[in-house]
Amino acid sequence: MKRIWRATINSWYGLVAAATSEAAMREELVALALSIPLAFVVTPFAWKRLALVGVILLLILVELLNTAIEKLSDHVMAAPHPEIGRVKDMSSAAVGVALLIAGVTWLLAIAEWFGLL
């Protein structure tokens, strides 16, 4: 039980560190806070609400990994390095893909809500 508690505390510290150091993380946490009540407006189905909130959580997960990769890369090599630059670009691209998934999911749900689909 102590290990689970310690892991929870470490996870909280990681989330706080990412939120305090990254504007994108703060914006995505705001998106999460807005997505929860908005999901109840957009659809009456629990599984669709879960999907709408879930894609925002997926985005946050990818952003956390991107932030960790960037912080570690900067720590390992402070000077610009072409290979590390490519690694950081790839992790940034992962965030872009997650944003695309979240955006399309929400656009489809909203279009369906307006009766456009």
N, C-alpha and C. Protein backbone atom coordinates (compact mmCIF):
# COMPACT_ATOMS: atom_id res chain seq x y z
N MET A 1 0.83 -1.19 0.00
CA MET A 1 0.00 0.00 0.00
C MET A 1 0.88 1.27 0.00
N LYS A 2 2.01 1.19 0.71
CA LYS A 2 2.90 2.34 0.76
C LYS A 2 3.47 2.66 -0.63
N ARG A 3 3.77 1.62 -1.42
CA ARG A 3 4.30 1.82 -2.76
C ARG A 3 3.27 2.51 -3.65
N ILE A 4 2.02 2.10 -3.53
CA ILE A 4 0.95 2.72 -4.33
C ILE A 4 0.79 4.19 -3.94
N TRP A 5 0.83 4.48 -2.66
CA TRP A 5 0.72 5.86 -2.19
C TRP A 5 1.88 6.70 -2.72
N ARG A 6 3.09 6.15 -2.66
CA ARG A 6 4.29 6.87 -3.13
C ARG A 6 4.22 7.12 -4.63
N ALA A 7 3.75 6.12 -5.37
CA ALA A 7 3.60 6.27 -6.82
C ALA A 7 2.56 7.35 -7.15
N THR A 8 1.50 7.40 -6.36
CA THR A 8 0.47 8.42 -6.57
C THR A 8 1.03 9.81 -6.31
N ILE A 9 1.79 9.95 -5.24
CA ILE A 9 2.41 11.25 -4.91
C ILE A 9 3.39 11.65 -6.02
N ASN A 10 4.21 10.72 -6.49
CA ASN A 10 5.16 11.02 -7.57
C ASN A 10 4.44 11.43 -8.84
N SER A 11 3.34 10.77 -9.15
CA SER A 11 2.55 11.13 -10.33
C SER A 11 1.98 12.54 -10.18
N TRP A 12 1.48 12.86 -9.00
CA TRP A 12 0.96 14.21 -8.75
C TRP A 12 2.06 15.25 -8.94
N TYR A 13 3.24 14.98 -8.38
CA TYR A 13 4.37 15.91 -8.54
C TYR A 13 4.73 16.10 -10.02
N GLY A 14 4.69 15.02 -10.78
CA GLY A 14 4.99 15.11 -12.20
C GLY A 14 3.96 15.95 -12.94
N LEU A 15 2.70 15.78 -12.62
CA LEU A 15 1.63 16.56 -13.24
C LEU A 15 1.77 18.04 -12.89
N VAL A 16 2.06 18.33 -11.65
CA VAL A 16 2.24 19.72 -11.21
C VAL A 16 3.46 20.33 -11.90
N ALA A 17 4.55 19.57 -11.99
CA ALA A 17 5.76 20.09 -12.64
C ALA A 17 5.49 20.40 -14.11
N ALA A 18 4.77 19.52 -14.79
CA ALA A 18 4.45 19.76 -16.20
C ALA A 18 3.53 20.97 -16.34
N ALA A 19 2.55 21.08 -15.46
CA ALA A 19 1.60 22.19 -15.55
C ALA A 19 2.26 23.53 -15.25
N THR A 20 3.22 23.54 -14.34
CA THR A 20 3.87 24.82 -14.00
C THR A 20 4.91 25.23 -15.03
N SER A 21 5.45 24.26 -15.79
CA SER A 21 6.52 24.61 -16.72
C SER A 21 6.07 24.68 -18.18
N GLU A 22 4.89 24.18 -18.50
CA GLU A 22 4.46 24.11 -19.89
C GLU A 22 3.08 24.75 -20.08
N ALA A 23 3.04 25.79 -20.91
CA ALA A 23 1.77 26.46 -21.21
C ALA A 23 0.80 25.51 -21.90
N ALA A 24 1.32 24.65 -22.78
CA ALA A 24 0.45 23.71 -23.49
C ALA A 24 -0.25 22.77 -22.51
N MET A 25 0.45 22.35 -21.47
CA MET A 25 -0.16 21.47 -20.47
C MET A 25 -1.28 22.20 -19.73
N ARG A 26 -1.04 23.45 -19.38
CA ARG A 26 -2.09 24.22 -18.69
C ARG A 26 -3.32 24.37 -19.59
N GLU A 27 -3.09 24.63 -20.87
CA GLU A 27 -4.21 24.77 -21.81
C GLU A 27 -4.98 23.46 -21.95
N GLU A 28 -4.26 22.36 -21.97
CA GLU A 28 -4.92 21.06 -22.09
C GLU A 28 -5.67 20.69 -20.83
N LEU A 29 -5.18 21.10 -19.67
CA LEU A 29 -5.93 20.87 -18.43
C LEU A 29 -7.21 21.70 -18.40
N VAL A 30 -7.15 22.91 -18.95
CA VAL A 30 -8.37 23.73 -19.10
C VAL A 30 -9.33 23.03 -20.05
N ALA A 31 -8.81 22.50 -21.16
CA ALA A 31 -9.65 21.77 -22.11
C ALA A 31 -10.31 20.57 -21.44
N LEU A 32 -9.58 19.88 -20.56
CA LEU A 32 -10.16 18.76 -19.82
C LEU A 32 -11.29 19.23 -18.92
N ALA A 33 -11.04 20.31 -18.20
CA ALA A 33 -12.07 20.84 -17.28
C ALA A 33 -13.32 21.26 -18.05
N LEU A 34 -13.15 21.81 -19.23
CA LEU A 34 -14.30 22.22 -20.05
C LEU A 34 -14.97 21.02 -20.72
N SER A 35 -14.17 20.01 -21.07
CA SER A 35 -14.72 18.87 -21.82
C SER A 35 -15.68 18.02 -20.98
N ILE A 36 -15.47 17.98 -19.70
CA ILE A 36 -16.32 17.11 -18.87
C ILE A 36 -17.77 17.59 -18.87
N PRO A 37 -18.05 18.84 -18.51
CA PRO A 37 -19.46 19.26 -18.57
C PRO A 37 -19.97 19.36 -20.02
N LEU A 38 -19.12 19.76 -20.95
CA LEU A 38 -19.55 19.90 -22.34
C LEU A 38 -19.93 18.55 -22.95
N ALA A 39 -19.26 17.50 -22.55
CA ALA A 39 -19.59 16.17 -23.05
C ALA A 39 -21.03 15.79 -22.67
N PHE A 40 -21.50 16.25 -21.52
CA PHE A 40 -22.88 15.97 -21.10
C PHE A 40 -23.88 16.74 -21.94
N VAL A 41 -23.48 17.88 -22.47
CA VAL A 41 -24.35 18.68 -23.32
C VAL A 41 -24.40 18.09 -24.73
N VAL A 42 -23.25 17.65 -25.22
CA VAL A 42 -23.12 17.22 -26.61
C VAL A 42 -23.80 15.87 -26.86
N THR A 43 -23.77 14.97 -25.89
CA THR A 43 -24.35 13.64 -26.13
C THR A 43 -25.00 13.08 -24.87
N PRO A 44 -26.10 12.36 -25.05
CA PRO A 44 -26.73 11.71 -23.90
C PRO A 44 -26.13 10.33 -23.61
N PHE A 45 -25.26 9.85 -24.47
CA PHE A 45 -24.72 8.50 -24.33
C PHE A 45 -23.43 8.49 -23.52
N ALA A 46 -23.40 7.64 -22.49
CA ALA A 46 -22.24 7.58 -21.60
C ALA A 46 -20.97 7.19 -22.35
N TRP A 47 -21.04 6.27 -23.29
CA TRP A 47 -19.84 5.82 -23.99
C TRP A 47 -19.28 6.93 -24.87
N LYS A 48 -20.15 7.79 -25.43
CA LYS A 48 -19.66 8.91 -26.23
C LYS A 48 -19.03 9.98 -25.33
N ARG A 49 -19.62 10.19 -24.16
CA ARG A 49 -19.02 11.12 -23.20
C ARG A 49 -17.62 10.65 -22.81
N LEU A 50 -17.52 9.34 -22.55
CA LEU A 50 -16.22 8.76 -22.20
C LEU A 50 -15.22 8.97 -23.34
N ALA A 51 -15.66 8.78 -24.57
CA ALA A 51 -14.77 8.97 -25.71
C ALA A 51 -14.34 10.43 -25.82
N LEU A 52 -15.26 11.36 -25.62
CA LEU A 52 -14.93 12.78 -25.73
C LEU A 52 -13.94 13.22 -24.65
N VAL A 53 -14.17 12.79 -23.44
CA VAL A 53 -13.23 13.11 -22.36
C VAL A 53 -11.95 12.30 -22.52
N GLY A 54 -12.08 11.07 -22.98
CA GLY A 54 -10.93 10.20 -23.16
C GLY A 54 -9.92 10.71 -24.16
N VAL A 55 -10.39 11.34 -25.25
CA VAL A 55 -9.42 11.86 -26.22
C VAL A 55 -8.65 13.04 -25.65
N ILE A 56 -9.27 13.79 -24.74
CA ILE A 56 -8.55 14.88 -24.07
C ILE A 56 -7.53 14.30 -23.10
N LEU A 57 -7.90 13.24 -22.40
CA LEU A 57 -6.95 12.57 -21.50
C LEU A 57 -5.80 11.96 -22.30
N LEU A 58 -6.09 11.41 -23.48
CA LEU A 58 -5.04 10.90 -24.36
C LEU A 58 -4.09 12.02 -24.76
N LEU A 59 -4.64 13.16 -25.10
CA LEU A 59 -3.83 14.32 -25.44
C LEU A 59 -2.91 14.72 -24.29
N ILE A 60 -3.45 14.74 -23.08
CA ILE A 60 -2.66 15.08 -21.89
C ILE A 60 -1.55 14.04 -21.68
N LEU A 61 -1.88 12.78 -21.86
CA LEU A 61 -0.88 11.72 -21.72
C LEU A 61 0.28 11.93 -22.69
N VAL A 62 -0.04 12.20 -23.95
CA VAL A 62 1.01 12.40 -24.96
C VAL A 62 1.80 13.67 -24.65
N GLU A 63 1.12 14.70 -24.18
CA GLU A 63 1.82 15.95 -23.81
C GLU A 63 2.78 15.71 -22.65
N LEU A 64 2.38 14.90 -21.68
CA LEU A 64 3.27 14.56 -20.57
C LEU A 64 4.52 13.84 -21.07
N LEU A 65 4.34 12.89 -21.96
CA LEU A 65 5.49 12.18 -22.52
C LEU A 65 6.37 13.12 -23.34
N ASN A 66 5.76 13.99 -24.12
CA ASN A 66 6.51 14.98 -24.89
C ASN A 66 7.33 15.88 -23.98
N THR A 67 6.71 16.36 -22.93
CA THR A 67 7.39 17.24 -21.98
C THR A 67 8.55 16.50 -21.33
N ALA A 68 8.33 15.25 -20.94
CA ALA A 68 9.40 14.46 -20.31
C ALA A 68 10.57 14.27 -21.27
N ILE A 69 10.27 13.97 -22.53
CA ILE A 69 11.33 13.79 -23.52
C ILE A 69 12.10 15.08 -23.72
N GLU A 70 11.39 16.20 -23.83
CA GLU A 70 12.06 17.49 -24.02
C GLU A 70 12.93 17.85 -22.81
N LYS A 71 12.41 17.67 -21.61
CA LYS A 71 13.18 18.01 -20.41
C LYS A 71 14.42 17.12 -20.30
N LEU A 72 14.25 15.83 -20.54
CA LEU A 72 15.39 14.92 -20.48
C LEU A 72 16.42 15.25 -21.55
N SER A 73 15.96 15.54 -22.76
CA SER A 73 16.87 15.90 -23.85
C SER A 73 17.66 17.15 -23.52
N ASP A 74 16.99 18.15 -22.96
CA ASP A 74 17.68 19.39 -22.59
C ASP A 74 18.69 19.15 -21.47
N HIS A 75 18.38 18.22 -20.58
CA HIS A 75 19.29 17.91 -19.49
C HIS A 75 20.52 17.15 -19.99
N VAL A 76 20.30 16.21 -20.90
CA VAL A 76 21.40 15.40 -21.41
C VAL A 76 22.34 16.23 -22.26
N MET A 77 21.77 17.11 -23.10
CA MET A 77 22.60 17.91 -23.99
C MET A 77 21.98 19.30 -24.12
N ALA A 78 22.59 20.26 -23.45
CA ALA A 78 22.05 21.62 -23.47
C ALA A 78 22.25 22.30 -24.82
N ALA A 79 23.35 22.00 -25.48
CA ALA A 79 23.63 22.61 -26.79
C ALA A 79 22.77 21.93 -27.85
N PRO A 80 22.40 22.66 -28.89
CA PRO A 80 21.61 22.05 -29.97
C PRO A 80 22.35 20.87 -30.59
N HIS A 81 21.62 19.80 -30.85
CA HIS A 81 22.18 18.60 -31.45
C HIS A 81 21.16 18.08 -32.46
N PRO A 82 21.59 17.77 -33.70
CA PRO A 82 20.62 17.39 -34.73
C PRO A 82 19.79 16.15 -34.38
N GLU A 83 20.40 15.14 -33.79
CA GLU A 83 19.65 13.92 -33.46
C GLU A 83 18.65 14.18 -32.33
N ILE A 84 19.07 14.91 -31.32
CA ILE A 84 18.15 15.23 -30.23
C ILE A 84 17.04 16.13 -30.75
N GLY A 85 17.38 17.03 -31.66
CA GLY A 85 16.35 17.87 -32.27
C GLY A 85 15.30 17.04 -32.99
N ARG A 86 15.72 15.99 -33.68
CA ARG A 86 14.77 15.12 -34.37
C ARG A 86 13.90 14.36 -33.37
N VAL A 87 14.50 13.91 -32.29
CA VAL A 87 13.73 13.20 -31.26
C VAL A 87 12.66 14.14 -30.69
N LYS A 88 13.04 15.37 -30.40
CA LYS A 88 12.08 16.34 -29.87
C LYS A 88 10.99 16.65 -30.89
N ASP A 89 11.38 16.73 -32.17
CA ASP A 89 10.38 16.95 -33.22
C ASP A 89 9.39 15.80 -33.31
N MET A 90 9.89 14.56 -33.14
CA MET A 90 9.01 13.40 -33.19
C MET A 90 8.02 13.40 -32.02
N SER A 91 8.51 13.76 -30.84
CA SER A 91 7.59 13.79 -29.70
C SER A 91 6.58 14.92 -29.86
N SER A 92 6.99 16.01 -30.46
CA SER A 92 6.06 17.09 -30.77
C SER A 92 5.03 16.64 -31.81
N ALA A 93 5.48 15.87 -32.79
CA ALA A 93 4.56 15.34 -33.80
C ALA A 93 3.51 14.42 -33.17
N ALA A 94 3.92 13.68 -32.15
CA ALA A 94 2.97 12.81 -31.44
C ALA A 94 1.87 13.65 -30.79
N VAL A 95 2.24 14.79 -30.24
CA VAL A 95 1.24 15.70 -29.68
C VAL A 95 0.31 16.20 -30.78
N GLY A 96 0.89 16.52 -31.94
CA GLY A 96 0.08 16.97 -33.06
C GLY A 96 -0.94 15.92 -33.50
N VAL A 97 -0.52 14.67 -33.54
CA VAL A 97 -1.43 13.58 -33.91
C VAL A 97 -2.54 13.45 -32.86
N ALA A 98 -2.17 13.52 -31.59
CA ALA A 98 -3.18 13.43 -30.51
C ALA A 98 -4.16 14.60 -30.59
N LEU A 99 -3.65 15.79 -30.92
CA LEU A 99 -4.53 16.95 -31.10
C LEU A 99 -5.49 16.73 -32.26
N LEU A 100 -5.00 16.17 -33.34
CA LEU A 100 -5.84 15.88 -34.50
C LEU A 100 -6.94 14.89 -34.14
N ILE A 101 -6.58 13.82 -33.43
CA ILE A 101 -7.57 12.83 -33.00
C ILE A 101 -8.63 13.48 -32.12
N ALA A 102 -8.19 14.29 -31.14
CA ALA A 102 -9.14 14.95 -30.24
C ALA A 102 -10.02 15.93 -31.00
N GLY A 103 -9.42 16.71 -31.88
CA GLY A 103 -10.18 17.70 -32.63
C GLY A 103 -11.23 17.07 -33.54
N VAL A 104 -10.84 16.04 -34.26
CA VAL A 104 -11.79 15.37 -35.16
C VAL A 104 -12.91 14.70 -34.36
N THR A 105 -12.56 14.08 -33.26
CA THR A 105 -13.57 13.44 -32.42
C THR A 105 -14.60 14.45 -31.94
N TRP A 106 -14.12 15.58 -31.43
CA TRP A 106 -15.03 16.61 -30.94
C TRP A 106 -15.84 17.25 -32.07
N LEU A 107 -15.20 17.49 -33.21
CA LEU A 107 -15.93 18.06 -34.35
C LEU A 107 -17.05 17.13 -34.82
N LEU A 108 -16.77 15.85 -34.89
CA LEU A 108 -17.80 14.89 -35.29
C LEU A 108 -18.95 14.85 -34.29
N ALA A 109 -18.62 14.86 -33.01
CA ALA A 109 -19.67 14.83 -31.98
C ALA A 109 -20.53 16.09 -32.03
N ILE A 110 -19.89 17.23 -32.23
CA ILE A 110 -20.65 18.48 -32.28
C ILE A 110 -21.49 18.54 -33.56
N ALA A 111 -20.93 18.07 -34.68
CA ALA A 111 -21.70 18.02 -35.93
C ALA A 111 -22.91 17.11 -35.78
N GLU A 112 -22.73 15.99 -35.12
CA GLU A 112 -23.87 15.08 -34.87
C GLU A 112 -24.90 15.74 -33.97
N TRP A 113 -24.45 16.47 -32.97
CA TRP A 113 -25.34 17.17 -32.03
C TRP A 113 -26.20 18.20 -32.79
N PHE A 114 -25.60 18.88 -33.75
CA PHE A 114 -26.34 19.86 -34.55
C PHE A 114 -27.15 19.21 -35.66
N GLY A 115 -27.09 17.89 -35.77
CA GLY A 115 -27.85 17.19 -36.79
C GLY A 115 -27.24 17.25 -38.17
N LEU A 116 -25.97 17.55 -38.25
CA LEU A 116 -25.29 17.65 -39.54
C LEU A 116 -24.83 16.31 -40.06
N LEU A 117 -24.84 15.29 -39.22
CA LEU A 117 -24.42 13.94 -39.64
C LEU A 117 -25.57 12.98 -39.53
